[in-house]
Amino acid sequence: MLDLVFDDYPNKTDRTILEDDYEYIVVSPETYPVALKINELRKANGKTEIKTIRIEYVMGDDDIPICSTRILHRHLK
């Protein structure tokens, strides 16, 4: 079941988000559905839901979202 949730994450074995107590999770529009699924699984396992904070993308001059990868590779215009 965790593989379904963490399909897009680099570390698919990280179970702490489902097992440990957190107050907030900050997500992008792309990962927002994953946060909803995480809370669904937490609730099913008797854990409290994590407050989800969705941050919208900030667009570069080329109308592509700014991200750490683009900054690292100097792809911003």
Protein backbone atom coordinates (compact mmCIF):
# COMPACT_ATOMS: atom_id res chain seq x y z
CA MET A 1 0.00 0.00 0.00
CA LEU A 2 2.88 2.40 0.70
CA ASP A 3 4.24 1.93 -2.81
CA LEU A 4 0.96 3.35 -4.11
CA VAL A 5 1.37 6.47 -1.99
CA PHE A 6 5.06 7.02 -2.57
CA ASP A 7 5.22 6.20 -6.29
CA ASP A 8 6.59 9.66 -7.08
CA TYR A 9 8.96 9.88 -4.13
CA PRO A 10 12.67 9.05 -4.24
CA ASN A 11 12.59 7.07 -0.97
CA LYS A 12 9.69 4.64 -1.22
CA THR A 13 10.61 2.95 2.06
CA ASP A 14 10.15 6.05 4.24
CA ARG A 15 7.24 5.13 6.51
CA THR A 16 7.73 7.94 9.04
CA ILE A 17 5.10 10.20 7.44
CA LEU A 18 2.50 7.51 8.10
CA GLU A 19 3.71 6.44 11.54
CA ASP A 20 5.14 9.52 13.30
CA ASP A 21 3.26 12.56 14.55
CA TYR A 22 3.49 15.72 12.45
CA GLU A 23 1.43 18.90 12.54
CA TYR A 24 1.88 20.07 8.95
CA ILE A 25 2.92 18.87 5.52
CA VAL A 26 3.82 21.41 2.84
CA VAL A 27 3.17 20.28 -0.73
CA SER A 28 3.15 21.54 -4.30
CA PRO A 29 0.12 21.23 -6.58
CA GLU A 30 1.80 18.13 -8.05
CA THR A 31 2.12 16.36 -4.67
CA TYR A 32 -1.16 17.53 -3.13
CA PRO A 33 -3.03 14.31 -4.06
CA VAL A 34 -0.29 12.32 -2.29
CA ALA A 35 -0.84 14.35 0.90
CA LEU A 36 -4.55 13.55 0.73
CA LYS A 37 -3.74 9.84 0.38
CA ILE A 38 -1.28 10.02 3.28
CA ASN A 39 -4.00 11.49 5.51
CA GLU A 40 -6.47 8.85 4.35
CA LEU A 41 -4.02 6.10 5.32
CA ARG A 42 -3.16 7.79 8.63
CA LYS A 43 -6.85 8.05 9.52
CA ALA A 44 -7.41 4.38 8.64
CA ASN A 45 -4.53 3.48 10.98
CA GLY A 46 -5.89 5.54 13.88
CA LYS A 47 -3.38 8.38 13.49
CA THR A 48 -4.30 12.07 13.45
CA GLU A 49 -4.43 13.82 10.10
CA ILE A 50 -1.65 16.20 9.15
CA LYS A 51 -2.69 19.76 8.24
CA THR A 52 -1.88 20.16 4.56
CA ILE A 53 -0.43 23.42 3.26
CA ARG A 54 -0.51 23.64 -0.52
CA ILE A 55 1.96 26.11 -2.01
CA GLU A 56 1.32 27.22 -5.58
CA TYR A 57 4.12 27.25 -8.13
CA VAL A 58 6.19 30.37 -8.74
CA MET A 59 6.80 30.65 -12.45
CA GLY A 60 10.11 31.58 -14.08
CA ASP A 61 10.33 34.05 -16.93
CA ASP A 62 9.92 31.10 -19.29
CA ASP A 63 6.55 30.18 -17.67
CA ILE A 64 7.97 26.94 -16.24
CA PRO A 65 7.72 26.45 -12.45
CA ILE A 66 10.84 27.33 -10.47
CA CYS A 67 12.25 24.31 -8.63
CA SER A 68 15.51 23.37 -6.95
CA THR A 69 16.61 21.26 -9.92
CA ARG A 70 16.28 24.19 -12.29
CA ILE A 71 18.15 26.45 -9.87
CA LEU A 72 20.94 23.88 -9.44
CA HIS A 73 21.36 23.44 -13.20
CA ARG A 74 20.97 27.18 -13.85
CA HIS A 75 17.97 26.70 -16.17
CA LEU A 76 16.22 29.83 -15.00
CA LYS A 77 15.91 32.77 -17.34
